[in-house]
Each structure stands twice: as structure tokens, then as C-alpha cells.
N, C-alpha and C. Protein backbone atom coordinates (compact mmCIF):
# COMPACT_ATOMS: atom_id res chain seq x y z
N UNK A 1 -67.17 37.30 49.13
CA UNK A 1 -68.06 37.49 50.25
C UNK A 1 -69.22 38.39 49.84
N UNK A 2 -69.91 37.97 48.84
CA UNK A 2 -70.97 38.77 48.25
C UNK A 2 -72.13 39.03 49.18
N UNK A 3 -72.29 38.30 50.26
CA UNK A 3 -73.42 38.46 51.16
C UNK A 3 -73.18 39.51 52.24
N UNK A 4 -71.94 40.00 52.37
CA UNK A 4 -71.63 40.99 53.40
C UNK A 4 -71.72 42.39 52.82
N UNK A 5 -72.39 43.29 53.53
CA UNK A 5 -72.46 44.69 53.11
C UNK A 5 -71.15 45.37 53.50
N UNK A 6 -70.31 45.76 52.54
CA UNK A 6 -69.02 46.35 52.88
C UNK A 6 -69.12 47.64 53.66
N UNK A 7 -70.21 48.39 53.48
CA UNK A 7 -70.36 49.66 54.20
C UNK A 7 -70.47 49.44 55.71
N UNK A 8 -70.83 48.22 56.14
CA UNK A 8 -70.96 47.93 57.56
C UNK A 8 -69.63 47.53 58.21
N UNK A 9 -68.59 47.39 57.42
CA UNK A 9 -67.30 46.91 57.91
C UNK A 9 -66.33 48.07 58.15
N UNK A 10 -65.39 47.87 59.08
CA UNK A 10 -64.38 48.92 59.30
C UNK A 10 -63.52 49.11 58.05
N UNK A 11 -63.01 50.33 57.92
CA UNK A 11 -62.19 50.68 56.76
C UNK A 11 -60.73 50.82 57.19
N UNK A 12 -59.84 50.26 56.39
CA UNK A 12 -58.40 50.39 56.59
C UNK A 12 -57.85 51.10 55.37
N UNK A 13 -56.97 52.08 55.60
CA UNK A 13 -56.37 52.83 54.51
C UNK A 13 -54.87 52.63 54.53
N UNK A 14 -54.27 52.70 53.36
CA UNK A 14 -52.82 52.60 53.30
C UNK A 14 -52.33 52.56 51.88
N UNK A 15 -50.99 52.52 51.76
CA UNK A 15 -50.36 52.41 50.45
C UNK A 15 -49.97 50.97 50.20
N UNK A 16 -50.20 50.54 48.97
CA UNK A 16 -49.86 49.18 48.57
C UNK A 16 -48.34 49.10 48.43
N UNK A 17 -47.72 48.22 49.22
CA UNK A 17 -46.26 48.06 49.09
C UNK A 17 -45.90 46.94 48.14
N UNK A 18 -46.77 45.94 48.03
CA UNK A 18 -46.53 44.85 47.07
C UNK A 18 -47.78 44.00 46.93
N UNK A 19 -47.80 43.25 45.82
CA UNK A 19 -48.85 42.26 45.61
C UNK A 19 -48.36 40.91 46.12
N UNK A 20 -49.30 40.03 46.42
CA UNK A 20 -48.99 38.65 46.81
C UNK A 20 -49.61 37.73 45.77
N UNK A 21 -48.88 36.68 45.40
CA UNK A 21 -49.34 35.73 44.39
C UNK A 21 -49.70 34.40 45.04
N UNK A 22 -50.69 33.74 44.46
CA UNK A 22 -50.96 32.37 44.86
C UNK A 22 -50.09 31.44 44.00
N UNK A 23 -50.09 30.14 44.25
CA UNK A 23 -49.23 29.24 43.48
C UNK A 23 -49.58 29.12 42.00
N UNK A 24 -50.69 29.72 41.56
CA UNK A 24 -51.06 29.72 40.15
C UNK A 24 -50.67 31.02 39.45
N UNK A 25 -49.98 31.90 40.18
CA UNK A 25 -49.53 33.16 39.60
C UNK A 25 -50.56 34.26 39.62
N UNK A 26 -51.70 34.02 40.26
CA UNK A 26 -52.75 35.03 40.35
C UNK A 26 -52.54 35.88 41.59
N UNK A 27 -52.97 37.13 41.53
CA UNK A 27 -52.96 37.97 42.72
C UNK A 27 -54.01 37.45 43.69
N UNK A 28 -53.63 37.27 44.95
CA UNK A 28 -54.62 36.91 45.95
C UNK A 28 -54.40 37.70 47.24
N UNK A 29 -53.66 38.78 47.11
CA UNK A 29 -53.45 39.63 48.26
C UNK A 29 -52.54 40.78 47.94
N UNK A 30 -52.44 41.66 48.91
CA UNK A 30 -51.51 42.78 48.81
C UNK A 30 -51.08 43.12 50.21
N UNK A 31 -50.04 43.92 50.29
CA UNK A 31 -49.53 44.34 51.59
C UNK A 31 -49.72 45.83 51.70
N UNK A 32 -50.38 46.26 52.79
CA UNK A 32 -50.55 47.68 53.12
C UNK A 32 -49.64 47.93 54.31
N UNK A 33 -48.54 48.63 54.10
CA UNK A 33 -47.58 48.84 55.17
C UNK A 33 -47.02 47.51 55.61
N UNK A 34 -47.42 47.04 56.80
CA UNK A 34 -46.96 45.74 57.30
C UNK A 34 -48.15 44.81 57.56
N UNK A 35 -49.26 45.01 56.85
CA UNK A 35 -50.45 44.17 57.06
C UNK A 35 -50.86 43.52 55.74
N UNK A 36 -51.14 42.23 55.81
CA UNK A 36 -51.63 41.50 54.66
C UNK A 36 -53.11 41.77 54.46
N UNK A 37 -53.49 41.99 53.21
CA UNK A 37 -54.89 42.07 52.83
C UNK A 37 -55.12 40.93 51.85
N UNK A 38 -55.98 40.00 52.21
CA UNK A 38 -56.29 38.85 51.35
C UNK A 38 -57.53 39.17 50.53
N UNK A 39 -57.52 38.80 49.27
CA UNK A 39 -58.73 38.85 48.47
C UNK A 39 -58.75 37.63 47.58
N UNK A 40 -59.92 37.20 47.12
CA UNK A 40 -60.00 35.98 46.32
C UNK A 40 -59.37 36.18 44.94
N UNK A 41 -58.80 35.11 44.39
CA UNK A 41 -58.12 35.23 43.10
C UNK A 41 -59.03 35.59 41.93
N UNK A 42 -60.35 35.42 42.08
CA UNK A 42 -61.22 35.83 40.97
C UNK A 42 -61.23 37.35 40.79
N UNK A 43 -60.66 38.09 41.76
CA UNK A 43 -60.54 39.55 41.62
C UNK A 43 -59.17 39.97 41.06
N UNK A 44 -58.32 38.99 40.76
CA UNK A 44 -56.94 39.25 40.35
C UNK A 44 -56.83 40.21 39.16
N UNK A 45 -57.54 39.93 38.10
CA UNK A 45 -57.44 40.77 36.89
C UNK A 45 -57.93 42.19 37.16
N UNK A 46 -59.02 42.31 37.90
CA UNK A 46 -59.59 43.63 38.19
C UNK A 46 -58.61 44.45 39.05
N UNK A 47 -58.01 43.82 40.05
CA UNK A 47 -57.03 44.53 40.89
C UNK A 47 -55.80 44.93 40.09
N UNK A 48 -55.29 44.03 39.26
CA UNK A 48 -54.11 44.34 38.46
C UNK A 48 -54.38 45.51 37.50
N UNK A 49 -55.61 45.62 37.05
CA UNK A 49 -55.99 46.69 36.11
C UNK A 49 -56.09 48.05 36.80
N UNK A 50 -56.48 48.07 38.08
CA UNK A 50 -56.78 49.34 38.74
C UNK A 50 -55.85 49.74 39.89
N UNK A 51 -54.99 48.83 40.34
CA UNK A 51 -54.14 49.10 41.50
C UNK A 51 -52.70 48.75 41.16
N UNK A 52 -51.77 49.57 41.65
CA UNK A 52 -50.34 49.32 41.46
C UNK A 52 -49.62 49.58 42.79
N UNK A 53 -48.47 48.93 42.98
CA UNK A 53 -47.69 49.26 44.18
C UNK A 53 -47.44 50.77 44.26
N UNK A 54 -47.59 51.31 45.46
CA UNK A 54 -47.46 52.75 45.68
C UNK A 54 -48.78 53.48 45.72
N UNK A 55 -49.85 52.83 45.22
CA UNK A 55 -51.18 53.45 45.23
C UNK A 55 -51.77 53.43 46.64
N UNK A 56 -52.49 54.48 46.97
CA UNK A 56 -53.25 54.51 48.22
C UNK A 56 -54.61 53.86 47.95
N UNK A 57 -55.05 53.02 48.87
CA UNK A 57 -56.34 52.35 48.72
C UNK A 57 -57.06 52.36 50.06
N UNK A 58 -58.38 52.13 49.97
CA UNK A 58 -59.21 51.93 51.16
C UNK A 58 -59.79 50.53 51.06
N UNK A 59 -59.68 49.78 52.15
CA UNK A 59 -60.13 48.40 52.17
C UNK A 59 -61.17 48.23 53.28
N UNK A 60 -62.25 47.55 52.94
CA UNK A 60 -63.22 47.15 53.95
C UNK A 60 -63.23 45.62 53.96
N UNK A 61 -63.13 45.07 55.16
CA UNK A 61 -63.09 43.61 55.26
C UNK A 61 -63.21 43.15 56.69
N UNK A 62 -63.04 41.85 56.85
CA UNK A 62 -63.12 41.24 58.16
C UNK A 62 -61.74 40.80 58.62
N UNK A 63 -61.52 40.89 59.94
CA UNK A 63 -60.25 40.49 60.51
C UNK A 63 -60.48 39.20 61.30
N UNK A 64 -59.77 38.12 60.92
CA UNK A 64 -59.88 36.89 61.72
C UNK A 64 -59.35 37.11 63.14
N UNK A 65 -59.81 36.31 64.07
CA UNK A 65 -59.41 36.45 65.47
C UNK A 65 -57.91 36.27 65.69
N UNK A 66 -57.31 35.31 65.01
CA UNK A 66 -55.94 34.91 65.34
C UNK A 66 -54.88 35.39 64.35
N UNK A 67 -55.19 36.35 63.51
CA UNK A 67 -54.22 36.79 62.52
C UNK A 67 -54.33 38.30 62.29
N UNK A 68 -53.20 38.95 62.15
CA UNK A 68 -53.19 40.38 61.85
C UNK A 68 -53.25 40.55 60.34
N UNK A 69 -54.43 40.33 59.80
CA UNK A 69 -54.67 40.48 58.37
C UNK A 69 -56.13 40.82 58.16
N UNK A 70 -56.44 41.21 56.94
CA UNK A 70 -57.82 41.56 56.60
C UNK A 70 -58.24 40.71 55.40
N UNK A 71 -59.38 40.08 55.49
CA UNK A 71 -59.99 39.40 54.35
C UNK A 71 -60.91 40.43 53.69
N UNK A 72 -60.49 40.95 52.56
CA UNK A 72 -61.18 42.08 51.92
C UNK A 72 -62.52 41.68 51.33
N UNK A 73 -63.49 42.58 51.51
CA UNK A 73 -64.79 42.46 50.88
C UNK A 73 -64.89 43.51 49.78
N UNK A 74 -64.25 44.66 50.01
CA UNK A 74 -64.21 45.70 48.97
C UNK A 74 -62.91 46.49 49.08
N UNK A 75 -62.52 47.06 47.97
CA UNK A 75 -61.32 47.89 47.90
C UNK A 75 -61.66 49.08 47.00
N UNK A 76 -61.30 50.27 47.43
CA UNK A 76 -61.57 51.47 46.66
C UNK A 76 -60.26 52.17 46.36
N UNK A 77 -60.05 52.49 45.08
CA UNK A 77 -58.82 53.17 44.66
C UNK A 77 -58.96 54.67 44.88
N UNK A 78 -57.85 55.40 44.80
CA UNK A 78 -57.91 56.85 44.97
C UNK A 78 -58.72 57.52 43.86
N UNK A 79 -58.80 56.87 42.70
CA UNK A 79 -59.61 57.45 41.61
C UNK A 79 -61.09 57.08 41.75
N UNK A 80 -61.44 56.36 42.85
CA UNK A 80 -62.84 56.06 43.11
C UNK A 80 -63.35 54.75 42.54
N UNK A 81 -62.49 53.94 41.93
CA UNK A 81 -62.92 52.64 41.41
C UNK A 81 -63.18 51.72 42.60
N UNK A 82 -64.38 51.13 42.64
CA UNK A 82 -64.76 50.20 43.69
C UNK A 82 -64.61 48.78 43.15
N UNK A 83 -63.80 47.99 43.85
CA UNK A 83 -63.62 46.58 43.51
C UNK A 83 -64.31 45.81 44.62
N UNK A 84 -65.37 45.13 44.27
CA UNK A 84 -66.26 44.49 45.24
C UNK A 84 -66.26 42.98 45.01
N UNK A 85 -66.08 42.23 46.08
CA UNK A 85 -66.15 40.77 45.99
C UNK A 85 -67.61 40.35 45.99
N UNK A 86 -68.10 39.99 44.83
CA UNK A 86 -69.47 39.52 44.71
C UNK A 86 -69.52 38.02 44.43
N UNK A 87 -68.41 37.34 44.72
CA UNK A 87 -68.34 35.90 44.51
C UNK A 87 -67.75 35.58 43.16
N UNK A 88 -67.23 34.36 42.99
CA UNK A 88 -66.55 34.02 41.74
C UNK A 88 -67.46 33.81 40.55
N UNK A 89 -68.75 33.63 40.77
CA UNK A 89 -69.65 33.36 39.65
C UNK A 89 -70.68 34.45 39.47
N UNK A 90 -70.29 35.67 39.82
CA UNK A 90 -71.19 36.81 39.68
C UNK A 90 -71.46 37.05 38.19
N UNK A 91 -72.71 37.18 37.84
CA UNK A 91 -73.14 37.44 36.45
C UNK A 91 -72.52 36.46 35.47
N UNK A 92 -72.48 35.18 35.85
CA UNK A 92 -72.00 34.15 34.93
C UNK A 92 -70.50 34.08 34.77
N UNK A 93 -69.77 34.92 35.48
CA UNK A 93 -68.31 34.94 35.38
C UNK A 93 -67.76 33.60 35.87
N UNK A 94 -66.85 33.03 35.10
CA UNK A 94 -66.21 31.77 35.47
C UNK A 94 -64.80 32.06 35.93
N UNK A 95 -64.38 31.34 36.97
CA UNK A 95 -63.00 31.47 37.41
C UNK A 95 -62.43 30.07 37.61
N UNK A 96 -61.50 29.72 36.76
CA UNK A 96 -60.80 28.46 36.91
C UNK A 96 -59.34 28.75 37.16
N UNK A 97 -58.64 27.75 37.63
CA UNK A 97 -57.21 27.93 37.86
C UNK A 97 -56.51 28.04 36.52
N UNK A 98 -55.72 29.10 36.32
CA UNK A 98 -55.05 29.26 35.04
C UNK A 98 -53.95 28.22 34.86
N UNK A 99 -53.74 27.77 33.63
CA UNK A 99 -52.64 26.83 33.39
C UNK A 99 -51.31 27.57 33.51
N UNK A 100 -50.47 27.10 34.39
CA UNK A 100 -49.16 27.71 34.55
C UNK A 100 -48.11 26.63 34.61
N UNK A 101 -46.93 26.99 34.20
CA UNK A 101 -45.81 26.07 34.29
C UNK A 101 -44.95 26.51 35.46
N UNK A 102 -44.97 25.72 36.50
CA UNK A 102 -44.13 26.02 37.66
C UNK A 102 -42.77 25.37 37.45
N UNK A 103 -41.76 26.07 37.92
CA UNK A 103 -40.39 25.58 37.78
C UNK A 103 -39.80 25.38 39.17
N UNK A 104 -38.86 24.44 39.30
CA UNK A 104 -38.20 24.28 40.59
C UNK A 104 -37.49 25.58 40.98
N UNK A 105 -37.73 26.02 42.20
CA UNK A 105 -37.13 27.27 42.69
C UNK A 105 -36.68 27.08 44.13
N UNK A 106 -35.83 27.97 44.55
CA UNK A 106 -35.45 28.04 45.96
C UNK A 106 -35.31 29.51 46.32
N UNK A 107 -35.46 29.77 47.58
CA UNK A 107 -35.32 31.13 48.08
C UNK A 107 -34.82 31.05 49.51
N UNK A 108 -34.10 32.08 49.91
CA UNK A 108 -33.68 32.17 51.30
C UNK A 108 -33.69 33.63 51.70
N UNK A 109 -33.92 33.85 52.97
CA UNK A 109 -33.92 35.21 53.47
C UNK A 109 -34.66 35.32 54.78
N UNK A 110 -34.88 36.56 55.18
CA UNK A 110 -35.57 36.84 56.42
C UNK A 110 -37.06 36.98 56.17
N UNK A 111 -37.85 36.38 57.04
CA UNK A 111 -39.30 36.51 56.97
C UNK A 111 -39.67 37.89 57.48
N UNK A 112 -40.41 38.65 56.65
CA UNK A 112 -40.85 39.98 57.07
C UNK A 112 -42.33 40.00 57.43
N UNK A 113 -43.08 38.98 57.00
CA UNK A 113 -44.51 38.96 57.26
C UNK A 113 -45.02 37.53 57.15
N UNK A 114 -45.76 37.07 58.14
CA UNK A 114 -46.45 35.78 58.03
C UNK A 114 -47.65 35.98 57.11
N UNK A 115 -47.96 34.98 56.30
CA UNK A 115 -49.09 35.06 55.38
C UNK A 115 -50.19 34.09 55.82
N UNK A 116 -51.43 34.55 55.72
CA UNK A 116 -52.56 33.80 56.21
C UNK A 116 -53.60 33.61 55.12
N UNK A 117 -54.41 32.56 55.27
CA UNK A 117 -55.57 32.37 54.43
C UNK A 117 -56.70 33.26 54.90
N UNK A 118 -57.83 33.28 54.20
CA UNK A 118 -58.90 34.22 54.52
C UNK A 118 -59.54 34.02 55.88
N UNK A 119 -59.38 32.84 56.48
CA UNK A 119 -59.95 32.60 57.81
C UNK A 119 -58.89 32.71 58.90
N UNK A 120 -57.70 33.22 58.55
CA UNK A 120 -56.65 33.43 59.53
C UNK A 120 -55.72 32.25 59.72
N UNK A 121 -55.81 31.23 58.87
CA UNK A 121 -54.94 30.08 58.99
C UNK A 121 -53.57 30.39 58.39
N UNK A 122 -52.50 30.02 59.11
CA UNK A 122 -51.15 30.27 58.64
C UNK A 122 -50.91 29.50 57.35
N UNK A 123 -50.51 30.21 56.29
CA UNK A 123 -50.33 29.59 54.99
C UNK A 123 -48.97 29.84 54.37
N UNK A 124 -48.13 30.68 55.01
CA UNK A 124 -46.84 30.94 54.41
C UNK A 124 -46.17 32.16 54.99
N UNK A 125 -45.23 32.71 54.21
CA UNK A 125 -44.47 33.86 54.69
C UNK A 125 -43.99 34.67 53.50
N UNK A 126 -43.74 35.95 53.76
CA UNK A 126 -43.16 36.85 52.77
C UNK A 126 -41.72 37.11 53.19
N UNK A 127 -40.79 36.84 52.27
CA UNK A 127 -39.38 37.06 52.55
C UNK A 127 -38.98 38.49 52.21
N UNK A 128 -37.82 38.90 52.74
CA UNK A 128 -37.34 40.27 52.52
C UNK A 128 -37.05 40.59 51.07
N UNK A 129 -36.86 39.58 50.20
CA UNK A 129 -36.64 39.85 48.78
C UNK A 129 -37.95 39.92 48.00
N UNK A 130 -39.10 39.78 48.71
CA UNK A 130 -40.40 39.86 48.05
C UNK A 130 -40.99 38.53 47.65
N UNK A 131 -40.27 37.44 47.85
CA UNK A 131 -40.77 36.11 47.51
C UNK A 131 -41.82 35.67 48.52
N UNK A 132 -42.95 35.17 48.02
CA UNK A 132 -43.97 34.58 48.88
C UNK A 132 -43.72 33.09 48.97
N UNK A 133 -43.65 32.58 50.19
CA UNK A 133 -43.58 31.14 50.41
C UNK A 133 -44.97 30.69 50.79
N UNK A 134 -45.50 29.72 50.08
CA UNK A 134 -46.87 29.24 50.34
C UNK A 134 -46.86 27.77 50.67
N UNK A 135 -47.64 27.43 51.66
CA UNK A 135 -47.82 26.03 52.05
C UNK A 135 -49.12 25.55 51.42
N UNK A 136 -49.11 24.42 50.74
CA UNK A 136 -50.35 23.90 50.17
C UNK A 136 -51.36 23.60 51.28
N UNK A 137 -52.63 23.81 51.00
CA UNK A 137 -53.68 23.59 51.98
C UNK A 137 -53.65 22.17 52.51
N UNK A 138 -53.49 21.19 51.62
CA UNK A 138 -53.49 19.80 52.07
C UNK A 138 -52.30 19.51 52.98
N UNK A 139 -51.18 20.16 52.74
CA UNK A 139 -50.01 19.95 53.60
C UNK A 139 -50.28 20.49 54.99
N UNK A 140 -50.95 21.62 55.05
CA UNK A 140 -51.27 22.20 56.36
C UNK A 140 -52.17 21.26 57.15
N UNK A 141 -53.14 20.66 56.49
CA UNK A 141 -54.05 19.74 57.17
C UNK A 141 -53.31 18.48 57.62
N UNK A 142 -52.49 17.92 56.74
CA UNK A 142 -51.78 16.67 57.05
C UNK A 142 -50.70 16.86 58.10
N UNK A 143 -50.12 18.04 58.13
CA UNK A 143 -48.99 18.28 59.02
C UNK A 143 -49.34 19.24 60.15
N UNK A 144 -50.57 19.23 60.59
CA UNK A 144 -51.03 20.21 61.57
C UNK A 144 -50.17 20.24 62.83
N UNK A 145 -49.85 19.07 63.37
CA UNK A 145 -49.05 19.05 64.60
C UNK A 145 -47.65 19.60 64.35
N UNK A 146 -47.04 19.17 63.25
CA UNK A 146 -45.72 19.68 62.89
C UNK A 146 -45.76 21.19 62.68
N UNK A 147 -46.79 21.63 61.95
CA UNK A 147 -46.91 23.06 61.67
C UNK A 147 -47.04 23.85 62.96
N UNK A 148 -47.86 23.36 63.86
CA UNK A 148 -48.08 24.08 65.11
C UNK A 148 -46.78 24.22 65.90
N UNK A 149 -45.96 23.18 65.87
CA UNK A 149 -44.75 23.19 66.68
C UNK A 149 -43.58 23.91 66.00
N UNK A 150 -43.33 23.62 64.73
CA UNK A 150 -42.13 24.12 64.08
C UNK A 150 -42.38 25.20 63.03
N UNK A 151 -43.36 24.99 62.17
CA UNK A 151 -43.52 25.89 61.04
C UNK A 151 -43.90 27.29 61.46
N UNK A 152 -44.68 27.43 62.50
CA UNK A 152 -45.03 28.77 62.97
C UNK A 152 -43.77 29.56 63.30
N UNK A 153 -42.76 28.86 63.82
CA UNK A 153 -41.47 29.50 64.11
C UNK A 153 -40.76 29.90 62.82
N UNK A 154 -40.79 29.02 61.82
CA UNK A 154 -40.12 29.29 60.55
C UNK A 154 -40.78 30.42 59.78
N UNK A 155 -42.08 30.58 59.94
CA UNK A 155 -42.82 31.57 59.15
C UNK A 155 -43.09 32.86 59.91
N UNK A 156 -42.48 33.02 61.06
CA UNK A 156 -42.67 34.23 61.87
C UNK A 156 -41.68 35.31 61.46
N UNK A 157 -42.09 36.57 61.50
CA UNK A 157 -41.15 37.66 61.18
C UNK A 157 -39.87 37.55 61.99
N UNK A 158 -38.76 37.76 61.31
CA UNK A 158 -37.44 37.69 61.94
C UNK A 158 -36.74 36.37 61.73
N UNK A 159 -37.48 35.32 61.37
CA UNK A 159 -36.87 34.01 61.11
C UNK A 159 -36.07 34.09 59.81
N UNK A 160 -35.01 33.35 59.73
CA UNK A 160 -34.21 33.23 58.51
C UNK A 160 -34.39 31.82 57.99
N UNK A 161 -34.92 31.70 56.77
CA UNK A 161 -35.25 30.38 56.23
C UNK A 161 -34.73 30.21 54.81
N UNK A 162 -34.69 28.96 54.42
CA UNK A 162 -34.44 28.59 53.04
C UNK A 162 -35.54 27.62 52.66
N UNK A 163 -36.11 27.78 51.47
CA UNK A 163 -37.23 26.94 51.05
C UNK A 163 -37.04 26.52 49.60
N UNK A 164 -37.59 25.33 49.28
CA UNK A 164 -37.52 24.78 47.95
C UNK A 164 -38.91 24.30 47.54
N UNK A 165 -39.19 24.39 46.24
CA UNK A 165 -40.45 23.87 45.73
C UNK A 165 -40.75 24.45 44.37
N UNK A 166 -41.86 24.02 43.77
CA UNK A 166 -42.25 24.56 42.47
C UNK A 166 -42.72 26.00 42.63
N UNK A 167 -42.32 26.83 41.69
CA UNK A 167 -42.68 28.24 41.81
C UNK A 167 -43.00 28.88 40.48
N UNK A 168 -43.42 30.11 40.60
CA UNK A 168 -43.75 30.91 39.42
C UNK A 168 -43.32 32.34 39.68
N UNK A 169 -42.88 32.98 38.62
CA UNK A 169 -42.49 34.39 38.69
C UNK A 169 -43.17 35.10 37.53
N UNK A 170 -43.79 36.25 37.84
CA UNK A 170 -44.37 37.07 36.79
C UNK A 170 -44.16 38.53 37.14
N UNK A 171 -44.79 39.43 36.41
CA UNK A 171 -44.55 40.87 36.61
C UNK A 171 -45.01 41.36 37.98
N UNK A 172 -45.85 40.57 38.67
CA UNK A 172 -46.35 40.98 39.98
C UNK A 172 -45.53 40.44 41.14
N UNK A 173 -44.68 39.46 40.90
CA UNK A 173 -43.88 38.91 41.98
C UNK A 173 -43.46 37.48 41.74
N UNK A 174 -43.09 36.84 42.84
CA UNK A 174 -42.60 35.46 42.78
C UNK A 174 -43.17 34.71 43.98
N UNK A 175 -43.62 33.48 43.73
CA UNK A 175 -44.14 32.64 44.80
C UNK A 175 -43.63 31.22 44.64
N UNK A 176 -43.38 30.59 45.77
CA UNK A 176 -42.93 29.20 45.78
C UNK A 176 -43.89 28.41 46.65
N UNK A 177 -44.38 27.29 46.11
CA UNK A 177 -45.19 26.38 46.89
C UNK A 177 -44.20 25.44 47.59
N UNK A 178 -44.08 25.58 48.88
CA UNK A 178 -43.00 24.96 49.64
C UNK A 178 -43.14 23.44 49.73
N UNK A 179 -42.09 22.74 49.26
CA UNK A 179 -41.96 21.30 49.47
C UNK A 179 -41.08 21.02 50.68
N UNK A 180 -40.04 21.85 50.83
CA UNK A 180 -39.09 21.70 51.93
C UNK A 180 -38.74 23.08 52.46
N UNK A 181 -38.55 23.17 53.77
CA UNK A 181 -38.17 24.43 54.39
C UNK A 181 -37.21 24.13 55.54
N UNK A 182 -36.25 25.01 55.71
CA UNK A 182 -35.27 24.85 56.79
C UNK A 182 -34.96 26.20 57.38
N UNK A 183 -34.69 26.21 58.67
CA UNK A 183 -34.28 27.43 59.32
C UNK A 183 -32.79 27.61 59.09
N UNK A 184 -32.41 28.82 58.72
CA UNK A 184 -30.99 29.14 58.54
C UNK A 184 -30.45 29.56 59.90
N UNK A 185 -29.43 28.88 60.32
CA UNK A 185 -28.82 29.15 61.63
C UNK A 185 -27.39 29.56 61.41
N UNK A 186 -27.01 30.67 62.04
CA UNK A 186 -25.61 31.12 61.96
C UNK A 186 -24.75 30.15 62.73
N UNK A 187 -23.69 29.71 62.12
CA UNK A 187 -22.74 28.83 62.83
C UNK A 187 -21.53 29.64 63.20
N UNK A 188 -21.08 29.52 64.44
CA UNK A 188 -19.93 30.29 64.86
C UNK A 188 -18.67 29.85 64.11
N UNK A 189 -17.86 30.82 63.77
CA UNK A 189 -16.61 30.54 63.08
C UNK A 189 -15.55 30.27 64.14
N UNK A 190 -14.88 29.13 64.03
CA UNK A 190 -13.82 28.82 65.01
C UNK A 190 -12.47 29.12 64.39
N UNK A 191 -11.61 29.68 65.19
CA UNK A 191 -10.29 30.06 64.69
C UNK A 191 -9.27 29.02 65.04
């Protein structure tokens, strides 16, 4: 968001509890307390170099109407390093999707945070074990009615789900691009 003056935006402060990965293994967000902060993946290397879980940061960004998250325009570390989104092609910088080998993965657990895209669109969930579940953009468009009715329930905090799909794990975390998802329901034990 290189056209927005970050000084004109509200500032949010907090400690980084974890990073969020996109399906290519790049950082595309972080969690401050219980709030998602989204940033574009072209800032992934810069953030990994200057920020670690447990660090206090200041974020300036925009909040979409329908999501409790921030689309970051700038982030400042406690040591004063300013990470500014000036677009993916600033000063000739190229950003392509890195080649990664995704492996079949599954995860189950409680949803602790719904995950959103930069415009506030529901894109996945963060499980209690730290796994990010991500819905492909095309799936969200194709399955809009289904998503509106069922998936919002599956990706809401407190839901217990199991998901399967291709995933990646690296030093920053684990993410699964969801092919299938199911709600885990406790079944009563009969004696």
C-alpha cells in the first residue's frame, strides 16, 4: 500500500505471539495478542530479519469493516527499524512465488482465531496448535454460498475442526491449504 501515508493511520501496539504463513511458506501476517495483522508476502524476508515472536511492535494500517484485523502499511520494531509497504516492485524489487514442495497434511484442533485477507474476506483459521488453515482464493469465490453458510461456523473461534490438504512447515510455522474440512463433534458415550 505504497500510496497511503502511514503517519495518517491509527497505531496498534502489541507483542508478536506468532507468525502466519501463506501456502507458499512465506510470512504474510502475524498475531498481536488476539488480533491478526496482515502484510503482503513481499515483506516476508524483511520481517523475518527484524521481528521475532515475543517482540513488541507498532503497526499502522487499515481495518476492514467486517473483520477484526489490520492490513499493515508499516511496522516499527522496538529497535526503531521501520518496515514500510512500498509495493512489491519498489526500486526494481521482484517478488515471485517461491518454489516449495507441499506435502499432504492434516490437522485437528480448536480454532483460536479466524484469518482474513487484506480486505477482510474470510480466508482460514488458526488452530490452537499454531497451524494455519488457509482456503484458496478460487475456492472461496466458487463456494461463496457454502462458505457463507457453513465455513464461517467451522472457522470461528471455539469451533473444533479437522482439515486435510497440501501443506508446508518451516521454522516460522505450519500452514495447510484446505482441500477438506469437517467439524469435530463430540459423540456421547453409551453404556
